[in-house]
Amino acid sequence: MPIYEYESEQDGEVISLLRSMAEADAPVEDPEGRGRTFRRRQSVFGVSTGAGVAPQAPVGGCCPCGVDAGRCGRMN
């Protein structure tokens, strides 16, 4: 089941709930019992390689070393 995020219209608090897709837009009960109204919000996520730079595809033909395939000794 997916995790959905809901934001309080009154104070902006965000809660996360594990719900089925069929229940994604069903009303959410205020977990603190204060009568707040929650609306589902678009969740975003990011992915990091840990190195701080995006990985790059090999260049220079089909050889993984980056040298033109015609000049690389591994490809001949």
PDB file of N, CA and C in Angstrom:
ATOM      1  N   MET A   1       0.837  -1.184   0.000  1.00  0.00           N
ATOM      2  CA  MET A   1       0.000   0.000   0.000  1.00  0.00           C
ATOM      3  C   MET A   1       0.882   1.248   0.000  1.00  0.00           C
ATOM      4  N   PRO A   2       0.444   2.260  -0.721  1.00  0.00           N
ATOM      5  CA  PRO A   2       1.225   3.505  -0.763  1.00  0.00           C
ATOM      6  C   PRO A   2       1.041   4.359   0.489  1.00  0.00           C
ATOM      7  N   ILE A   3       2.007   5.229   0.705  1.00  0.00           N
ATOM      8  CA  ILE A   3       1.936   6.201   1.794  1.00  0.00           C
ATOM      9  C   ILE A   3       1.532   7.537   1.174  1.00  0.00           C
ATOM     10  N   TYR A   4       0.465   8.133   1.696  1.00  0.00           N
ATOM     11  CA  TYR A   4      -0.024   9.420   1.207  1.00  0.00           C
ATOM     12  C   TYR A   4       0.216  10.486   2.266  1.00  0.00           C
ATOM     13  N   GLU A   5       0.448  11.721   1.797  1.00  0.00           N
ATOM     14  CA  GLU A   5       0.629  12.857   2.697  1.00  0.00           C
ATOM     15  C   GLU A   5      -0.623  13.721   2.658  1.00  0.00           C
ATOM     16  N   TYR A   6      -1.023  14.189   3.834  1.00  0.00           N
ATOM     17  CA  TYR A   6      -2.198  15.039   3.970  1.00  0.00           C
ATOM     18  C   TYR A   6      -1.804  16.275   4.751  1.00  0.00           C
ATOM     19  N   GLU A   7      -2.316  17.432   4.310  1.00  0.00           N
ATOM     20  CA  GLU A   7      -1.969  18.708   4.943  1.00  0.00           C
ATOM     21  C   GLU A   7      -3.211  19.333   5.553  1.00  0.00           C
ATOM     22  N   SER A   8      -3.077  19.814   6.781  1.00  0.00           N
ATOM     23  CA  SER A   8      -4.177  20.477   7.470  1.00  0.00           C
ATOM     24  C   SER A   8      -4.423  21.838   6.820  1.00  0.00           C
ATOM     25  N   GLU A   9      -5.695  22.122   6.528  1.00  0.00           N
ATOM     26  CA  GLU A   9      -6.041  23.425   5.950  1.00  0.00           C
ATOM     27  C   GLU A   9      -5.942  24.543   6.993  1.00  0.00           C
ATOM     28  N   GLN A  10      -6.045  24.182   8.255  1.00  0.00           N
ATOM     29  CA  GLN A  10      -6.043  25.193   9.302  1.00  0.00           C
ATOM     30  C   GLN A  10      -4.637  25.646   9.698  1.00  0.00           C
ATOM     31  N   ASP A  11      -3.702  24.707   9.894  1.00  0.00           N
ATOM     32  CA  ASP A  11      -2.383  25.108  10.382  1.00  0.00           C
ATOM     33  C   ASP A  11      -1.208  24.578   9.556  1.00  0.00           C
ATOM     34  N   GLY A  12      -1.490  23.852   8.462  1.00  0.00           N
ATOM     35  CA  GLY A  12      -0.430  23.391   7.572  1.00  0.00           C
ATOM     36  C   GLY A  12       0.312  22.150   8.036  1.00  0.00           C
ATOM     37  N   GLU A  13      -0.080  21.543   9.167  1.00  0.00           N
ATOM     38  CA  GLU A  13       0.593  20.324   9.621  1.00  0.00           C
ATOM     39  C   GLU A  13       0.419  19.231   8.566  1.00  0.00           C
ATOM     40  N   VAL A  14       1.487  18.474   8.361  1.00  0.00           N
ATOM     41  CA  VAL A  14       1.470  17.394   7.377  1.00  0.00           C
ATOM     42  C   VAL A  14       1.555  16.063   8.113  1.00  0.00           C
ATOM     43  N   ILE A  15       0.654  15.140   7.730  1.00  0.00           N
ATOM     44  CA  ILE A  15       0.687  13.792   8.281  1.00  0.00           C
ATOM     45  C   ILE A  15       0.802  12.809   7.129  1.00  0.00           C
ATOM     46  N   SER A  16       1.340  11.627   7.401  1.00  0.00           N
ATOM     47  CA  SER A  16       1.482  10.572   6.397  1.00  0.00           C
ATOM     48  C   SER A  16       0.658   9.369   6.840  1.00  0.00           C
ATOM     49  N   LEU A  17      -0.097   8.808   5.889  1.00  0.00           N
ATOM     50  CA  LEU A  17      -0.929   7.655   6.192  1.00  0.00           C
ATOM     51  C   LEU A  17      -0.712   6.565   5.163  1.00  0.00           C
ATOM     52  N   LEU A  18      -0.686   5.325   5.629  1.00  0.00           N
ATOM     53  CA  LEU A  18      -0.598   4.161   4.768  1.00  0.00           C
ATOM     54  C   LEU A  18      -2.029   3.756   4.431  1.00  0.00           C
ATOM     55  N   ARG A  19      -2.419   3.942   3.146  1.00  0.00           N
ATOM     56  CA  ARG A  19      -3.796   3.678   2.729  1.00  0.00           C
ATOM     57  C   ARG A  19      -3.794   3.017   1.361  1.00  0.00           C
ATOM     58  N   SER A  20      -4.881   2.319   1.076  1.00  0.00           N
ATOM     59  CA  SER A  20      -5.029   1.748  -0.263  1.00  0.00           C
ATOM     60  C   SER A  20      -5.304   2.876  -1.252  1.00  0.00           C
ATOM     61  N   MET A  21      -5.071   2.617  -2.523  1.00  0.00           N
ATOM     62  CA  MET A  21      -5.324   3.642  -3.548  1.00  0.00           C
ATOM     63  C   MET A  21      -6.794   4.031  -3.572  1.00  0.00           C
ATOM     64  N   ALA A  22      -7.681   3.091  -3.297  1.00  0.00           N
ATOM     65  CA  ALA A  22      -9.120   3.373  -3.289  1.00  0.00           C
ATOM     66  C   ALA A  22      -9.491   4.351  -2.170  1.00  0.00           C
ATOM     67  N   GLU A  23      -8.722   4.378  -1.094  1.00  0.00           N
ATOM     68  CA  GLU A  23      -9.004   5.255   0.045  1.00  0.00           C
ATOM     69  C   GLU A  23      -8.191   6.549   0.028  1.00  0.00           C
ATOM     70  N   ALA A  24      -7.418   6.775  -1.015  1.00  0.00           N
ATOM     71  CA  ALA A  24      -6.499   7.918  -1.052  1.00  0.00           C
ATOM     72  C   ALA A  24      -7.185   9.249  -0.805  1.00  0.00           C
ATOM     73  N   ASP A  25      -8.362   9.451  -1.375  1.00  0.00           N
ATOM     74  CA  ASP A  25      -9.061  10.732  -1.235  1.00  0.00           C
ATOM     75  C   ASP A  25     -10.202  10.693  -0.231  1.00  0.00           C
ATOM     76  N   ALA A  26     -10.320   9.608   0.523  1.00  0.00           N
ATOM     77  CA  ALA A  26     -11.350   9.526   1.558  1.00  0.00           C
ATOM     78  C   ALA A  26     -11.030  10.518   2.674  1.00  0.00           C
ATOM     79  N   PRO A  27     -12.044  11.006   3.377  1.00  0.00           N
ATOM     80  CA  PRO A  27     -11.793  11.955   4.471  1.00  0.00           C
ATOM     81  C   PRO A  27     -10.815  11.383   5.502  1.00  0.00           C
ATOM     82  N   VAL A  28     -10.002  12.280   6.069  1.00  0.00           N
ATOM     83  CA  VAL A  28      -9.003  11.896   7.066  1.00  0.00           C
ATOM     84  C   VAL A  28      -9.436  12.434   8.418  1.00  0.00           C
ATOM     85  N   GLU A  29      -9.461  11.551   9.414  1.00  0.00           N
ATOM     86  CA  GLU A  29      -9.794  11.967  10.767  1.00  0.00           C
ATOM     87  C   GLU A  29      -8.592  12.663  11.385  1.00  0.00           C
ATOM     88  N   ASP A  30      -8.832  13.761  12.068  1.00  0.00           N
ATOM     89  CA  ASP A  30      -7.754  14.502  12.727  1.00  0.00           C
ATOM     90  C   ASP A  30      -7.141  13.619  13.811  1.00  0.00           C
ATOM     91  N   PRO A  31      -5.843  13.303  13.690  1.00  0.00           N
ATOM     92  CA  PRO A  31      -5.223  12.404  14.667  1.00  0.00           C
ATOM     93  C   PRO A  31      -5.178  12.993  16.085  1.00  0.00           C
ATOM     94  N   GLU A  32      -5.271  14.313  16.197  1.00  0.00           N
ATOM     95  CA  GLU A  32      -5.243  14.956  17.516  1.00  0.00           C
ATOM     96  C   GLU A  32      -6.641  15.294  18.027  1.00  0.00           C
ATOM     97  N   GLY A  33      -7.680  14.967  17.235  1.00  0.00           N
ATOM     98  CA  GLY A  33      -9.055  15.196  17.655  1.00  0.00           C
ATOM     99  C   GLY A  33      -9.458  16.658  17.753  1.00  0.00           C
ATOM    100  N   ARG A  34      -8.785  17.527  16.976  1.00  0.00           N
ATOM    101  CA  ARG A  34      -9.079  18.964  17.038  1.00  0.00           C
ATOM    102  C   ARG A  34     -10.045  19.412  15.950  1.00  0.00           C
ATOM    103  N   GLY A  35     -10.561  18.481  15.147  1.00  0.00           N
ATOM    104  CA  GLY A  35     -11.547  18.814  14.126  1.00  0.00           C
ATOM    105  C   GLY A  35     -10.982  19.474  12.881  1.00  0.00           C
ATOM    106  N   ARG A  36      -9.672  19.379  12.678  1.00  0.00           N
ATOM    107  CA  ARG A  36      -9.067  19.985  11.488  1.00  0.00           C
ATOM    108  C   ARG A  36      -9.433  19.198  10.236  1.00  0.00           C
ATOM    109  N   THR A  37      -9.401  19.876   9.095  1.00  0.00           N
ATOM    110  CA  THR A  37      -9.673  19.260   7.796  1.00  0.00           C
ATOM    111  C   THR A  37      -8.344  19.024   7.090  1.00  0.00           C
ATOM    112  N   PHE A  38      -8.145  17.813   6.594  1.00  0.00           N
ATOM    113  CA  PHE A  38      -6.915  17.469   5.889  1.00  0.00           C
ATOM    114  C   PHE A  38      -7.224  17.185   4.427  1.00  0.00           C
ATOM    115  N   ARG A  39      -6.346  17.643   3.551  1.00  0.00           N
ATOM    116  CA  ARG A  39      -6.442  17.386   2.117  1.00  0.00           C
ATOM    117  C   ARG A  39      -5.166  16.699   1.662  1.00  0.00           C
ATOM    118  N   ARG A  40      -5.342  15.743   0.745  1.00  0.00           N
ATOM    119  CA  ARG A  40      -4.166  15.036   0.217  1.00  0.00           C
ATOM    120  C   ARG A  40      -3.329  16.011  -0.588  1.00  0.00           C
ATOM    121  N   ARG A  41      -2.005  15.934  -0.420  1.00  0.00           N
ATOM    122  CA  ARG A  41      -1.117  16.800  -1.190  1.00  0.00           C
ATOM    123  C   ARG A  41      -0.214  15.951  -2.073  1.00  0.00           C
ATOM    124  N   GLN A  42       0.339  16.568  -3.084  1.00  0.00           N
ATOM    125  CA  GLN A  42       1.258  15.889  -3.984  1.00  0.00           C
ATOM    126  C   GLN A  42       2.570  15.660  -3.257  1.00  0.00           C
ATOM    127  N   SER A  43       2.978  14.422  -3.178  1.00  0.00           N
ATOM    128  CA  SER A  43       4.247  14.090  -2.547  1.00  0.00           C
ATOM    129  C   SER A  43       5.365  14.170  -3.578  1.00  0.00           C
ATOM    130  N   VAL A  44       6.522  14.570  -3.146  1.00  0.00           N
ATOM    131  CA  VAL A  44       7.693  14.618  -4.022  1.00  0.00           C
ATOM    132  C   VAL A  44       8.831  13.886  -3.337  1.00  0.00           C
ATOM    133  N   PHE A  45       9.742  13.402  -4.119  1.00  0.00           N
ATOM    134  CA  PHE A  45      10.896  12.734  -3.553  1.00  0.00           C
ATOM    135  C   PHE A  45      12.099  13.019  -4.422  1.00  0.00           C
ATOM    136  N   GLY A  46      13.265  12.829  -3.889  1.00  0.00           N
ATOM    137  CA  GLY A  46      14.500  13.034  -4.622  1.00  0.00           C
ATOM    138  C   GLY A  46      15.382  11.811  -4.511  1.00  0.00           C
ATOM    139  N   VAL A  47      16.278  11.700  -5.432  1.00  0.00           N
ATOM    140  CA  VAL A  47      17.216  10.583  -5.444  1.00  0.00           C
ATOM    141  C   VAL A  47      18.618  11.165  -5.469  1.00  0.00           C
ATOM    142  N   SER A  48      19.484  10.620  -4.640  1.00  0.00           N
ATOM    143  CA  SER A  48      20.851  11.103  -4.580  1.00  0.00           C
ATOM    144  C   SER A  48      21.799   9.948  -4.866  1.00  0.00           C
ATOM    145  N   THR A  49      22.862  10.249  -5.604  1.00  0.00           N
ATOM    146  CA  THR A  49      23.870   9.229  -5.873  1.00  0.00           C
ATOM    147  C   THR A  49      24.908   9.186  -4.769  1.00  0.00           C
ATOM    148  N   GLY A  50      24.864  10.167  -3.890  1.00  0.00           N
ATOM    149  CA  GLY A  50      25.810  10.221  -2.795  1.00  0.00           C
ATOM    150  C   GLY A  50      27.115  10.908  -3.165  1.00  0.00           C
ATOM    151  N   ALA A  51      27.399  11.048  -4.436  1.00  0.00           N
ATOM    152  CA  ALA A  51      28.652  11.660  -4.874  1.00  0.00           C
ATOM    153  C   ALA A  51      28.498  13.153  -5.129  1.00  0.00           C
ATOM    154  N   GLY A  52      27.264  13.627  -5.171  1.00  0.00           N
ATOM    155  CA  GLY A  52      27.033  15.038  -5.422  1.00  0.00           C
ATOM    156  C   GLY A  52      26.999  15.410  -6.883  1.00  0.00           C
ATOM    157  N   VAL A  53      27.262  14.487  -7.771  1.00  0.00           N
ATOM    158  CA  VAL A  53      27.188  14.748  -9.201  1.00  0.00           C
ATOM    159  C   VAL A  53      26.380  13.636  -9.857  1.00  0.00           C
ATOM    160  N   ALA A  54      25.722  13.987 -10.937  1.00  0.00           N
ATOM    161  CA  ALA A  54      24.932  12.990 -11.659  1.00  0.00           C
ATOM    162  C   ALA A  54      25.854  12.056 -12.429  1.00  0.00           C
ATOM    163  N   PRO A  55      25.538  10.761 -12.451  1.00  0.00           N
ATOM    164  CA  PRO A  55      26.353   9.838 -13.236  1.00  0.00           C
ATOM    165  C   PRO A  55      26.244  10.160 -14.715  1.00  0.00           C
ATOM    166  N   GLN A  56      27.312   9.953 -15.456  1.00  0.00           N
ATOM    167  CA  GLN A  56      27.317  10.254 -16.879  1.00  0.00           C
ATOM    168  C   GLN A  56      27.502   8.983 -17.675  1.00  0.00           C
ATOM    169  N   ALA A  57      26.861   8.975 -18.832  1.00  0.00           N
ATOM    170  CA  ALA A  57      26.987   7.831 -19.722  1.00  0.00           C
ATOM    171  C   ALA A  57      28.373   7.842 -20.357  1.00  0.00           C
ATOM    172  N   PRO A  58      28.896   6.670 -20.699  1.00  0.00           N
ATOM    173  CA  PRO A  58      30.193   6.617 -21.375  1.00  0.00           C
ATOM    174  C   PRO A  58      30.146   7.398 -22.696  1.00  0.00           C
ATOM    175  N   VAL A  59      31.257   7.983 -23.061  1.00  0.00           N
ATOM    176  CA  VAL A  59      31.342   8.732 -24.315  1.00  0.00           C
ATOM    177  C   VAL A  59      32.344   8.072 -25.244  1.00  0.00           C
ATOM    178  N   GLY A  60      32.259   8.392 -26.530  1.00  0.00           N
ATOM    179  CA  GLY A  60      33.266   7.917 -27.474  1.00  0.00           C
ATOM    180  C   GLY A  60      32.965   6.567 -28.078  1.00  0.00           C
ATOM    181  N   GLY A  61      31.762   6.332 -28.520  1.00  0.00           N
ATOM    182  CA  GLY A  61      31.439   5.075 -29.183  1.00  0.00           C
ATOM    183  C   GLY A  61      30.962   4.027 -28.209  1.00  0.00           C
ATOM    184  N   CYS A  62      31.269   2.783 -28.504  1.00  0.00           N
ATOM    185  CA  CYS A  62      30.734   1.684 -27.713  1.00  0.00           C
ATOM    186  C   CYS A  62      31.663   1.198 -26.617  1.00  0.00           C
ATOM    187  N   CYS A  63      32.864   1.718 -26.521  1.00  0.00           N
ATOM    188  CA  CYS A  63      33.800   1.229 -25.521  1.00  0.00           C
ATOM    189  C   CYS A  63      33.541   1.891 -24.180  1.00  0.00           C
ATOM    190  N   PRO A  64      33.411   1.130 -23.095  1.00  0.00           N
ATOM    191  CA  PRO A  64      33.159   1.716 -21.791  1.00  0.00           C
ATOM    192  C   PRO A  64      34.310   2.548 -21.233  1.00  0.00           C
ATOM    193  N   CYS A  65      35.507   2.445 -21.818  1.00  0.00           N
ATOM    194  CA  CYS A  65      36.630   3.225 -21.301  1.00  0.00           C
ATOM    195  C   CYS A  65      36.568   4.683 -21.749  1.00  0.00           C
ATOM    196  N   GLY A  66      35.704   5.007 -22.726  1.00  0.00           N
ATOM    197  CA  GLY A  66      35.553   6.386 -23.192  1.00  0.00           C
ATOM    198  C   GLY A  66      36.351   6.720 -24.420  1.00  0.00           C
ATOM    199  N   VAL A  67      37.196   5.829 -24.891  1.00  0.00           N
ATOM    200  CA  VAL A  67      37.983   6.053 -26.105  1.00  0.00           C
ATOM    201  C   VAL A  67      37.126   5.580 -27.283  1.00  0.00           C
ATOM    202  N   ASP A  68      37.301   6.257 -28.431  1.00  0.00           N
ATOM    203  CA  ASP A  68      36.572   5.833 -29.618  1.00  0.00           C
ATOM    204  C   ASP A  68      36.781   4.333 -29.840  1.00  0.00           C
ATOM    205  N   ALA A  69      35.695   3.640 -30.140  1.00  0.00           N
ATOM    206  CA  ALA A  69      35.759   2.191 -30.286  1.00  0.00           C
ATOM    207  C   ALA A  69      36.790   1.764 -31.312  1.00  0.00           C
ATOM    208  N   GLY A  70      37.032   2.538 -32.351  1.00  0.00           N
ATOM    209  CA  GLY A  70      38.010   2.189 -33.376  1.00  0.00           C
ATOM    210  C   GLY A  70      39.442   2.324 -32.902  1.00  0.00           C
ATOM    211  N   ARG A  71      39.700   3.128 -31.844  1.00  0.00           N
ATOM    212  CA  ARG A  71      41.071   3.338 -31.352  1.00  0.00           C
ATOM    213  C   ARG A  71      41.378   2.559 -30.090  1.00  0.00           C
ATOM    214  N   CYS A  72      40.417   1.917 -29.511  1.00  0.00           N
ATOM    215  CA  CYS A  72      40.624   1.210 -28.247  1.00  0.00           C
ATOM    216  C   CYS A  72      41.081  -0.220 -28.527  1.00  0.00           C
ATOM    217  N   GLY A  73      42.112  -0.653 -27.830  1.00  0.00           N
ATOM    218  CA  GLY A  73      42.631  -2.001 -28.010  1.00  0.00           C
ATOM    219  C   GLY A  73      41.682  -3.073 -27.504  1.00  0.00           C
ATOM    220  N   ARG A  74      40.813  -2.714 -26.582  1.00  0.00           N
ATOM    221  CA  ARG A  74      39.875  -3.707 -26.051  1.00  0.00           C
ATOM    222  C   ARG A  74      38.778  -4.071 -27.047  1.00  0.00           C
ATOM    223  N   MET A  75      38.474  -3.144 -27.937  1.00  0.00           N
ATOM    224  CA  MET A  75      37.375  -3.393 -28.872  1.00  0.00           C
ATOM    225  C   MET A  75      37.840  -4.021 -30.169  1.00  0.00           C
ATOM    226  N   ASN A  76      39.150  -4.102 -30.393  1.00  0.00           N
ATOM    227  CA  ASN A  76      39.670  -4.650 -31.676  1.00  0.00           C
ATOM    228  C   ASN A  76      39.988  -6.100 -31.552  1.00  0.00           C
TER     229      ASN A  76
END
